[in-house]
Protein backbone atom coordinates (compact mmCIF):
# COMPACT_ATOMS: atom_id res chain seq x y z
CA UNK A 1 -43.69 13.43 -7.67
CA UNK A 2 -41.44 14.75 -10.31
CA UNK A 3 -38.06 15.69 -8.97
CA UNK A 4 -36.10 18.61 -10.13
CA UNK A 5 -32.72 18.89 -11.36
CA UNK A 6 -31.76 20.45 -8.79
CA UNK A 7 -33.12 17.88 -6.18
CA UNK A 8 -32.08 15.25 -8.46
CA UNK A 9 -28.26 16.66 -8.21
CA UNK A 10 -28.53 16.90 -4.40
CA UNK A 11 -29.98 13.63 -3.96
CA UNK A 12 -27.47 11.92 -6.40
CA UNK A 13 -25.02 13.95 -4.06
CA UNK A 14 -26.41 11.99 -0.83
CA UNK A 15 -26.23 8.92 -2.47
CA UNK A 16 -22.80 9.33 -3.43
CA UNK A 17 -21.35 10.40 -0.35
CA UNK A 18 -22.77 7.55 1.93
CA UNK A 19 -21.07 5.34 -1.05
CA UNK A 20 -17.98 7.29 -0.48
CA UNK A 21 -18.03 6.63 3.25
CA UNK A 22 -18.90 3.55 3.44
CA UNK A 23 -16.15 2.92 1.00
CA UNK A 24 -13.29 4.78 2.94
CA UNK A 25 -14.55 2.84 5.97
CA UNK A 26 -13.83 -0.49 4.04
CA UNK A 27 -10.53 0.79 2.87
CA UNK A 28 -9.40 1.26 6.55
CA UNK A 29 -10.52 -1.08 7.99
CA UNK A 30 -8.59 -3.66 5.42
CA UNK A 31 -5.71 -1.06 5.97
CA UNK A 32 -5.66 -1.84 9.76
CA UNK A 33 -5.75 -5.33 9.45
CA UNK A 34 -2.88 -5.38 6.82
CA UNK A 35 -0.89 -3.60 9.31
CA UNK A 36 -1.98 -5.50 12.22
CA UNK A 37 -0.24 -8.68 10.47
CA UNK A 38 2.23 -7.21 9.26
CA UNK A 39 3.30 -6.21 12.97
CA UNK A 40 2.83 -9.48 14.57
CA UNK A 41 5.48 -10.75 11.63
CA UNK A 42 7.91 -8.02 12.48
CA UNK A 43 7.42 -9.47 16.02
CA UNK A 44 8.49 -13.18 15.26
CA UNK A 45 11.08 -12.21 12.59
CA UNK A 46 13.99 -13.81 14.46
CA UNK A 47 12.14 -17.16 13.32
CA UNK A 48 12.49 -16.17 10.12
CA UNK A 49 14.96 -16.98 6.96
CA UNK A 50 16.44 -14.27 5.49
CA UNK A 51 15.05 -14.25 2.36
CA UNK A 52 11.39 -13.62 4.19
CA UNK A 53 13.06 -11.13 6.77
CA UNK A 54 13.69 -9.08 3.33
CA UNK A 55 10.39 -9.59 2.63
CA UNK A 56 8.58 -8.50 5.12
CA UNK A 57 10.94 -5.73 5.35
CA UNK A 58 10.07 -4.81 2.00
CA UNK A 59 6.03 -5.07 2.49
CA UNK A 60 6.66 -2.61 5.61
CA UNK A 61 8.22 -0.15 4.13
CA UNK A 62 5.61 -0.40 1.54
CA UNK A 63 2.86 0.39 3.82
CA UNK A 64 5.11 3.04 5.50
CA UNK A 65 5.38 5.30 2.23
CA UNK A 66 1.37 4.79 1.62
CA UNK A 67 1.03 6.71 4.97
CA UNK A 68 3.69 8.67 4.33
CA UNK A 69 1.68 9.60 1.07
CA UNK A 70 -1.43 9.63 2.90
CA UNK A 71 -0.38 12.22 5.94
CA UNK A 72 1.60 14.61 2.74
CA UNK A 73 -2.40 14.58 1.34
CA UNK A 74 -3.85 15.58 4.74
CA UNK A 75 -1.46 17.95 5.26
CA UNK A 76 -1.75 19.84 2.32
CA UNK A 77 -5.33 19.76 2.53
CA UNK A 78 -5.23 20.83 5.89
CA UNK A 79 -2.75 23.86 4.17
CA UNK A 80 -6.02 24.78 1.81
CA UNK A 81 -8.77 24.87 4.98
CA UNK A 82 -6.46 27.05 6.56
CA UNK A 83 -5.84 29.73 3.44
CA UNK A 84 -9.54 28.81 2.31
CA UNK A 85 -8.39 27.73 -0.80
CA UNK A 86 -10.74 24.90 -2.80
């Protein structure tokens, strides 16, 4: 059976959607594990040296900035959905 171009595009779109969903799930899992480790380190910060505390603070600030960027992207997408933009 020979597929038409439209059928091939639809099939490939399905493959790509599944691949993206799998990739996004892995990224969320890794980000959550990283955040969990950072929070555990933060709870024991009084036992860290000054230099280690500064490094931990930098890593926490980087994680917070990543969350901020992502939240801004999602807010922009929500505005587009509300107004019907693409």
